[in-house]
Amino acid sequence: MENVNISFDEMWDKIMECDRSYDGLFYTAVKTTKIFCRPSCRSRKPKKVNVEFYETIPECIEAGYRACKRCQPDIEHCPQIDLVRKTTGYLLNHLNKRIVLQDIADHVGVSAFYLERLFKEEMNETPREYLEKIRIDKAGYLLRNTKRTNLEICYESGFQSPSNFYKAFRRVKNCSPGDYRDSAGIKESCDAMD
């Protein structure tokens, strides 16, 4: 599996959201308990200063961590799930490029039809829907944590046009990028505003 290109703070956000769609792409290791978990683990969240992230289970074990008994990150090695994780890793690392389903299928070594069907079964969304979601996640992170303009964020998060960016952002977050940035200052999600 290829390395995922997301920052510590972005991974932290994903574990705070218990986002299942990032499972298998990285693991959360807690220094104080010496336990590692999936991003979606529902166990009590550690302090940020006590967290390290690893990309593979062997890295976690080599660093002296053991698997969480609740989320069992060391279980679940079937070829279909590995294929989906390889797909999500590819999408995360190429989110700012124009991607078509055939590119992803070629990368993971299966037909486009099979990939889309398997991905939908496992993730409850198509690769295109997942890609849009992670682009919006990236945009949301940049809106909350940088002073970049909406246009810069639009292109950095992989959208090809501002109109698509604004439309997708509103559909996913239920507000405009500007409103989202304003609400981030008071630690309130736009979803809660509706």
Protein backbone atom coordinates (compact mmCIF):
# COMPACT_ATOMS: atom_id res chain seq x y z
CA MET A 1 0.00 0.00 0.00
CA GLU A 2 1.26 3.48 -0.81
CA ASN A 3 1.93 6.13 1.81
CA VAL A 4 -0.89 8.58 2.40
CA ASN A 5 -0.13 12.25 2.15
CA ILE A 6 -2.12 13.88 4.96
CA SER A 7 -0.87 15.95 7.86
CA PHE A 8 -0.87 15.10 11.56
CA ASP A 9 -3.68 17.58 12.18
CA GLU A 10 -5.80 16.12 9.37
CA MET A 11 -5.33 12.62 10.82
CA TRP A 12 -6.21 14.00 14.26
CA ASP A 13 -9.45 15.43 12.83
CA LYS A 14 -10.32 12.02 11.35
CA ILE A 15 -9.87 10.19 14.66
CA MET A 16 -11.93 12.82 16.47
CA GLU A 17 -14.71 12.22 13.90
CA CYS A 18 -14.25 8.42 14.14
CA ASP A 19 -14.18 8.41 10.34
CA ARG A 20 -14.36 4.79 9.14
CA SER A 21 -13.39 5.70 5.60
CA TYR A 22 -9.78 6.27 6.74
CA ASP A 23 -9.42 2.85 8.41
CA GLY A 24 -6.39 0.99 7.10
CA LEU A 25 -4.75 4.15 5.77
CA PHE A 26 -3.13 5.02 9.09
CA TYR A 27 -3.20 3.93 12.73
CA THR A 28 -3.39 5.96 15.91
CA ALA A 29 -0.89 5.00 18.62
CA VAL A 30 -1.33 6.30 22.16
CA LYS A 31 1.96 6.77 23.99
CA THR A 32 0.49 6.52 27.50
CA THR A 33 -1.41 3.24 26.97
CA LYS A 34 0.92 1.73 24.33
CA ILE A 35 -2.17 0.77 22.27
CA PHE A 36 -2.83 1.42 18.58
CA CYS A 37 -6.27 1.82 17.00
CA ARG A 38 -8.09 2.43 13.74
CA PRO A 39 -9.20 6.02 12.98
CA SER A 40 -12.82 4.94 13.56
CA CYS A 41 -12.24 3.51 17.05
CA ARG A 42 -14.96 4.63 19.48
CA SER A 43 -12.75 4.33 22.58
CA ARG A 44 -12.15 7.42 24.69
CA LYS A 45 -9.99 9.90 22.80
CA PRO A 46 -6.47 10.55 24.07
CA LYS A 47 -4.82 13.92 24.50
CA LYS A 48 -3.30 15.13 21.25
CA VAL A 49 0.21 15.29 22.75
CA ASN A 50 0.02 11.56 23.54
CA VAL A 51 -0.70 10.50 19.95
CA GLU A 52 1.56 9.24 17.17
CA PHE A 53 0.42 8.09 13.75
CA TYR A 54 1.76 5.12 11.81
CA GLU A 55 0.94 3.94 8.33
CA THR A 56 1.18 0.19 8.95
CA ILE A 57 0.50 -2.31 11.70
CA PRO A 58 4.10 -3.62 11.65
CA GLU A 59 5.34 -0.06 12.29
CA CYS A 60 3.04 0.15 15.34
CA ILE A 61 4.21 -3.20 16.69
CA GLU A 62 7.87 -2.38 16.05
CA ALA A 63 7.42 0.85 18.04
CA GLY A 64 6.13 -1.18 21.00
CA TYR A 65 2.36 -0.78 20.65
CA ARG A 66 -0.28 -3.51 20.90
CA ALA A 67 -3.62 -3.70 19.14
CA CYS A 68 -6.74 -2.20 20.71
CA LYS A 69 -9.14 -4.87 21.95
CA ARG A 70 -12.16 -2.75 21.02
CA CYS A 71 -11.52 -1.91 17.34
CA GLN A 72 -9.12 -4.82 16.65
CA PRO A 73 -7.03 -3.12 13.97
CA ASP A 74 -4.90 -6.24 13.49
CA ILE A 75 -7.90 -8.24 12.22
CA GLU A 76 -9.41 -7.73 8.76
CA HIS A 77 -6.98 -8.77 6.10
CA CYS A 78 -9.07 -9.94 3.22
CA PRO A 79 -8.22 -9.13 -0.41
CA GLN A 80 -11.38 -7.08 -1.00
CA ILE A 81 -10.76 -4.79 1.95
CA ASP A 82 -7.09 -4.42 0.99
CA LEU A 83 -8.24 -3.42 -2.52
CA VAL A 84 -10.60 -0.79 -1.11
CA ARG A 85 -7.82 0.57 1.17
CA LYS A 86 -5.44 0.73 -1.77
CA THR A 87 -8.12 2.67 -3.67
CA THR A 88 -8.73 5.13 -0.83
CA GLY A 89 -4.98 5.66 -0.46
CA TYR A 90 -4.68 6.38 -4.18
CA LEU A 91 -7.56 8.87 -4.01
CA LEU A 92 -6.08 10.64 -0.97
CA ASN A 93 -2.70 10.99 -2.66
CA HIS A 94 -4.12 12.21 -5.97
CA LEU A 95 -7.06 14.30 -4.79
CA ASN A 96 -5.75 17.45 -6.45
CA LYS A 97 -5.55 15.79 -9.88
CA ARG A 98 -8.24 14.99 -12.41
CA ILE A 99 -9.09 11.33 -11.75
CA VAL A 100 -11.30 8.97 -13.72
CA LEU A 101 -12.44 5.57 -12.51
CA GLN A 102 -10.30 3.76 -15.08
CA ASP A 103 -7.13 5.41 -13.67
CA ILE A 104 -7.94 4.03 -10.22
CA ALA A 105 -8.85 0.60 -11.59
CA ASP A 106 -5.57 0.45 -13.52
CA HIS A 107 -3.67 1.40 -10.36
CA VAL A 108 -5.24 -1.35 -8.22
CA GLY A 109 -5.30 -3.93 -11.03
CA VAL A 110 -9.00 -4.70 -11.48
CA SER A 111 -11.76 -3.70 -13.89
CA ALA A 112 -13.50 -0.37 -13.37
CA PHE A 113 -16.87 -2.13 -13.04
CA TYR A 114 -15.60 -4.51 -10.33
CA LEU A 115 -13.83 -1.72 -8.45
CA GLU A 116 -16.90 0.51 -8.36
CA ARG A 117 -19.18 -2.35 -7.22
CA LEU A 118 -16.76 -3.54 -4.51
CA PHE A 119 -16.05 0.00 -3.29
CA LYS A 120 -19.78 0.76 -3.06
CA GLU A 121 -20.40 -2.45 -1.10
CA GLU A 122 -17.64 -1.71 1.41
CA MET A 123 -17.85 2.08 1.73
CA ASN A 124 -21.54 2.74 0.93
CA GLU A 125 -20.48 5.29 -1.68
CA THR A 126 -18.84 5.26 -5.08
CA PRO A 127 -15.18 6.20 -5.56
CA ARG A 128 -16.37 9.50 -7.10
CA GLU A 129 -18.51 10.29 -4.04
CA TYR A 130 -15.63 9.36 -1.73
CA LEU A 131 -13.23 11.55 -3.71
CA GLU A 132 -15.61 14.50 -3.42
CA LYS A 133 -15.91 13.90 0.32
CA ILE A 134 -12.16 13.86 0.92
CA ARG A 135 -11.76 16.95 -1.25
CA ILE A 136 -14.35 18.72 0.90
CA ASP A 137 -12.60 17.41 4.04
CA LYS A 138 -9.33 18.88 2.76
CA ALA A 139 -11.02 22.18 1.90
CA GLY A 140 -12.66 22.31 5.34
CA TYR A 141 -9.31 21.70 7.01
CA LEU A 142 -7.67 24.46 4.95
CA LEU A 143 -10.54 26.87 5.62
CA ARG A 144 -10.23 26.30 9.39
CA ASN A 145 -6.45 26.33 9.60
CA THR A 146 -5.06 28.66 6.92
CA LYS A 147 -5.54 32.15 5.58
CA ARG A 148 -5.60 30.96 1.94
CA THR A 149 -8.31 32.38 -0.29
CA ASN A 150 -11.32 30.28 -1.25
CA LEU A 151 -10.01 30.14 -4.83
CA GLU A 152 -6.60 28.83 -3.69
CA ILE A 153 -8.33 26.24 -1.50
CA CYS A 154 -10.61 25.26 -4.37
CA TYR A 155 -7.67 24.27 -6.58
CA GLU A 156 -5.49 22.88 -3.78
CA SER A 157 -8.24 20.50 -2.72
CA GLY A 158 -8.63 19.20 -6.27
CA PHE A 159 -11.63 20.99 -7.72
CA GLN A 160 -11.33 21.98 -11.36
CA SER A 161 -13.62 25.03 -11.10
CA PRO A 162 -14.87 27.36 -8.36
CA SER A 163 -18.52 26.71 -9.28
CA ASN A 164 -18.09 22.94 -8.72
CA PHE A 165 -16.25 23.65 -5.47
CA TYR A 166 -18.99 25.92 -4.09
CA LYS A 167 -21.78 23.56 -5.19
CA ALA A 168 -20.09 20.46 -3.70
CA PHE A 169 -19.12 22.27 -0.50
CA ARG A 170 -22.68 23.47 0.07
CA ARG A 171 -24.08 19.99 -0.64
CA VAL A 172 -21.72 18.27 1.84
CA LYS A 173 -21.38 20.91 4.60
CA ASN A 174 -24.77 22.66 4.23
CA CYS A 175 -23.13 26.07 4.03
CA SER A 176 -20.77 28.11 1.87
CA PRO A 177 -16.98 27.94 2.34
CA GLY A 178 -17.04 31.50 3.74
CA ASP A 179 -19.72 30.63 6.30
CA TYR A 180 -17.79 27.49 7.22
CA ARG A 181 -14.61 29.51 7.83
CA ASP A 182 -16.55 32.02 9.95
CA SER A 183 -18.17 29.26 12.02
CA ALA A 184 -14.79 27.53 12.55
CA GLY A 185 -13.67 30.57 14.51
CA ILE A 186 -16.37 29.90 17.09
CA LYS A 187 -15.91 26.09 16.96
CA GLU A 188 -19.37 25.45 15.59
CA SER A 189 -20.04 23.18 12.63
CA CYS A 190 -22.20 24.42 9.77
CA ASP A 191 -24.17 21.20 9.94
CA ALA A 192 -25.35 22.22 13.40
CA MET A 193 -26.47 25.61 12.08
CA ASP A 194 -29.31 24.12 10.00
